[in-house]
Amino acid sequence: MDATSPFEYGKALEDDMKALAAEVRKSREHVEAESTNERELVKEAIRAFPRLNAAERPAAGVSVPPSPPVPPSAGAAPASAAASPLPDYAQNAPAEVKLEIEYLLDLTLQHGIAKALAESEKSPYFVQDAFHDALAGKLYPELQKRGIVK
């Protein structure tokens, strides 16, 4: 991730961040949330997000562009784990899986959380889980900066 904020991409993501922040605040009020760390609250808010924005999901027949094809050299030079947005458990996944997760992260930054989550539902559970964790990892610092999480 570069030094600039990834949240300069557009209104859809900014609106989604507001809804996510509201869900984090709401989750914090639950008794079981007292023992939950802040990063876990963000993950749970992301998992709850489709229910928050069910009305904004893409209509039937409207699709998000498919994942880009995997270039032949994709597995040749692995990115360093420190620079990767992927969770630790996905670092050794096949190149196609890592590219799909990164594609979903890019989709989030360009079109918002709701669209990326809807697209991720077409993916295997491992990809969905790794995407949720990677997204929480990317959003957590921004939510900290905004004073939403500690």
Protein backbone atom coordinates (compact mmCIF):
# COMPACT_ATOMS: atom_id res chain seq x y z
CA MET A 1 0.00 0.00 0.00
CA ASP A 2 1.39 3.41 -0.88
CA ALA A 3 1.55 6.50 1.30
CA THR A 4 -1.66 7.99 -0.14
CA SER A 5 -4.98 7.01 1.33
CA PRO A 6 -6.81 4.31 -0.65
CA PHE A 7 -10.07 6.02 0.20
CA GLU A 8 -9.83 8.73 -2.44
CA TYR A 9 -11.52 6.51 -5.02
CA GLY A 10 -15.09 7.65 -4.92
CA LYS A 11 -18.43 8.26 -3.37
CA ALA A 12 -19.53 4.60 -3.35
CA LEU A 13 -16.68 3.57 -1.08
CA GLU A 14 -17.08 6.66 1.10
CA ASP A 15 -20.80 5.94 1.56
CA ASP A 16 -19.98 2.31 2.33
CA MET A 17 -17.39 3.42 4.90
CA LYS A 18 -20.10 5.43 6.69
CA ALA A 19 -22.42 2.41 6.78
CA LEU A 20 -19.55 0.22 7.97
CA ALA A 21 -18.70 2.72 10.72
CA ALA A 22 -22.33 2.71 11.89
CA GLU A 23 -22.30 -1.11 12.01
CA VAL A 24 -19.05 -1.11 14.02
CA ARG A 25 -20.60 1.31 16.52
CA LYS A 26 -23.75 -0.81 16.71
CA SER A 27 -21.73 -4.02 17.19
CA ARG A 28 -19.76 -2.43 20.00
CA GLU A 29 -23.02 -1.99 21.96
CA HIS A 30 -23.67 -5.75 22.16
CA VAL A 31 -22.64 -7.52 25.34
CA GLU A 32 -20.56 -10.16 23.51
CA ALA A 33 -18.64 -7.36 21.76
CA GLU A 34 -17.10 -6.29 25.07
CA SER A 35 -14.50 -9.06 24.78
CA THR A 36 -14.03 -8.65 21.01
CA ASN A 37 -11.04 -6.72 19.74
CA GLU A 38 -11.55 -3.81 17.38
CA ARG A 39 -10.22 -5.61 14.29
CA GLU A 40 -12.75 -8.40 14.86
CA LEU A 41 -15.53 -5.79 15.08
CA VAL A 42 -14.49 -4.51 11.64
CA LYS A 43 -14.52 -8.08 10.23
CA GLU A 44 -17.98 -8.70 11.67
CA ALA A 45 -19.25 -5.41 10.24
CA ILE A 46 -17.94 -6.43 6.80
CA ARG A 47 -19.70 -9.80 7.09
CA ALA A 48 -22.93 -8.01 8.07
CA PHE A 49 -22.58 -5.49 5.25
CA PRO A 50 -24.66 -7.35 2.62
CA ARG A 51 -27.62 -7.28 5.02
CA LEU A 52 -27.09 -3.55 5.55
CA ASN A 53 -27.18 -2.75 1.85
CA ALA A 54 -29.37 -5.51 0.40
CA ALA A 55 -31.36 -2.93 -1.57
CA GLU A 56 -28.21 -1.65 -3.28
CA ARG A 57 -27.09 -5.00 -4.68
CA PRO A 58 -26.71 -5.26 -8.45
CA ALA A 59 -29.98 -6.09 -10.14
CA ALA A 60 -30.48 -9.40 -11.88
CA GLY A 61 -28.85 -9.29 -15.27
CA VAL A 62 -26.38 -6.60 -14.19
CA SER A 63 -23.01 -8.10 -13.60
CA VAL A 64 -19.66 -6.98 -12.40
CA PRO A 65 -16.86 -7.56 -14.92
CA PRO A 66 -15.30 -11.01 -14.50
CA SER A 67 -11.96 -11.48 -12.80
CA PRO A 68 -9.09 -10.69 -15.12
CA PRO A 69 -7.33 -13.71 -16.61
CA VAL A 70 -4.21 -14.86 -14.86
CA PRO A 71 -1.13 -13.86 -16.87
CA PRO A 72 1.35 -16.69 -17.47
CA SER A 73 4.06 -14.92 -15.45
CA ALA A 74 1.81 -14.27 -12.44
CA GLY A 75 3.45 -16.91 -10.28
CA ALA A 76 7.01 -16.15 -11.41
CA ALA A 77 7.92 -13.37 -8.97
CA PRO A 78 6.04 -13.60 -5.69
CA ALA A 79 5.34 -10.32 -3.94
CA SER A 80 6.83 -9.93 -0.51
CA ALA A 81 4.46 -10.89 2.28
CA ALA A 82 5.09 -7.56 4.00
CA ALA A 83 3.77 -5.59 1.00
CA SER A 84 0.87 -7.94 0.30
CA PRO A 85 -2.64 -7.00 1.42
CA LEU A 86 -3.47 -10.71 1.74
CA PRO A 87 -3.85 -12.38 5.14
CA ASP A 88 -1.00 -14.65 6.23
CA TYR A 89 -2.93 -17.86 5.55
CA ALA A 90 -3.45 -16.83 1.89
CA GLN A 91 0.20 -16.04 1.17
CA ASN A 92 0.89 -19.57 -0.12
CA ALA A 93 -2.37 -19.92 -2.05
CA PRO A 94 -2.21 -20.54 -5.81
CA ALA A 95 -1.61 -17.43 -7.93
CA GLU A 96 -5.17 -17.56 -9.32
CA VAL A 97 -6.62 -17.40 -5.80
CA LYS A 98 -4.38 -14.49 -4.78
CA LEU A 99 -5.28 -12.60 -7.96
CA GLU A 100 -8.99 -13.14 -7.31
CA ILE A 101 -8.68 -11.74 -3.78
CA GLU A 102 -6.68 -8.75 -5.04
CA TYR A 103 -9.24 -8.21 -7.81
CA LEU A 104 -12.01 -8.06 -5.17
CA LEU A 105 -9.98 -5.55 -3.15
CA ASP A 106 -9.53 -3.39 -6.26
CA LEU A 107 -13.24 -3.69 -7.02
CA THR A 108 -13.96 -2.43 -3.50
CA LEU A 109 -11.78 0.63 -3.97
CA GLN A 110 -13.32 1.42 -7.35
CA HIS A 111 -17.00 0.54 -6.82
CA GLY A 112 -17.56 0.14 -3.09
CA ILE A 113 -17.91 -2.61 -0.54
CA ALA A 114 -21.40 -3.75 -1.54
CA LYS A 115 -20.46 -4.47 -5.14
CA ALA A 116 -17.28 -6.32 -4.17
CA LEU A 117 -19.10 -8.42 -1.57
CA ALA A 118 -21.78 -9.32 -4.12
CA GLU A 119 -19.07 -10.37 -6.57
CA SER A 120 -17.21 -12.34 -3.88
CA GLU A 121 -20.29 -14.51 -3.31
CA LYS A 122 -19.48 -16.20 -6.63
CA SER A 123 -16.11 -17.29 -5.22
CA PRO A 124 -15.18 -20.30 -3.08
CA TYR A 125 -15.44 -19.85 0.68
CA PHE A 126 -11.64 -19.62 1.10
CA VAL A 127 -11.54 -16.64 -1.29
CA GLN A 128 -14.49 -14.98 0.46
CA ASP A 129 -12.92 -15.42 3.88
CA ALA A 130 -9.50 -14.20 2.75
CA PHE A 131 -11.15 -11.24 0.99
CA HIS A 132 -13.06 -10.29 4.18
CA ASP A 133 -9.85 -10.51 6.21
CA ALA A 134 -7.82 -8.56 3.64
CA LEU A 135 -10.52 -5.90 3.40
CA ALA A 136 -10.66 -5.58 7.18
CA GLY A 137 -6.88 -5.18 7.17
CA LYS A 138 -7.09 -2.41 4.58
CA LEU A 139 -10.03 -0.59 6.18
CA TYR A 140 -8.90 -0.86 9.80
CA PRO A 141 -6.19 1.87 9.59
CA GLU A 142 -8.63 4.25 7.91
CA LEU A 143 -11.28 3.55 10.53
CA GLN A 144 -8.64 4.18 13.22
CA LYS A 145 -7.73 7.48 11.59
CA ARG A 146 -11.40 8.49 11.65
CA GLY A 147 -11.69 7.58 15.33
CA ILE A 148 -14.19 4.79 14.74
CA VAL A 149 -11.95 2.02 16.12
CA LYS A 150 -9.05 2.14 18.55
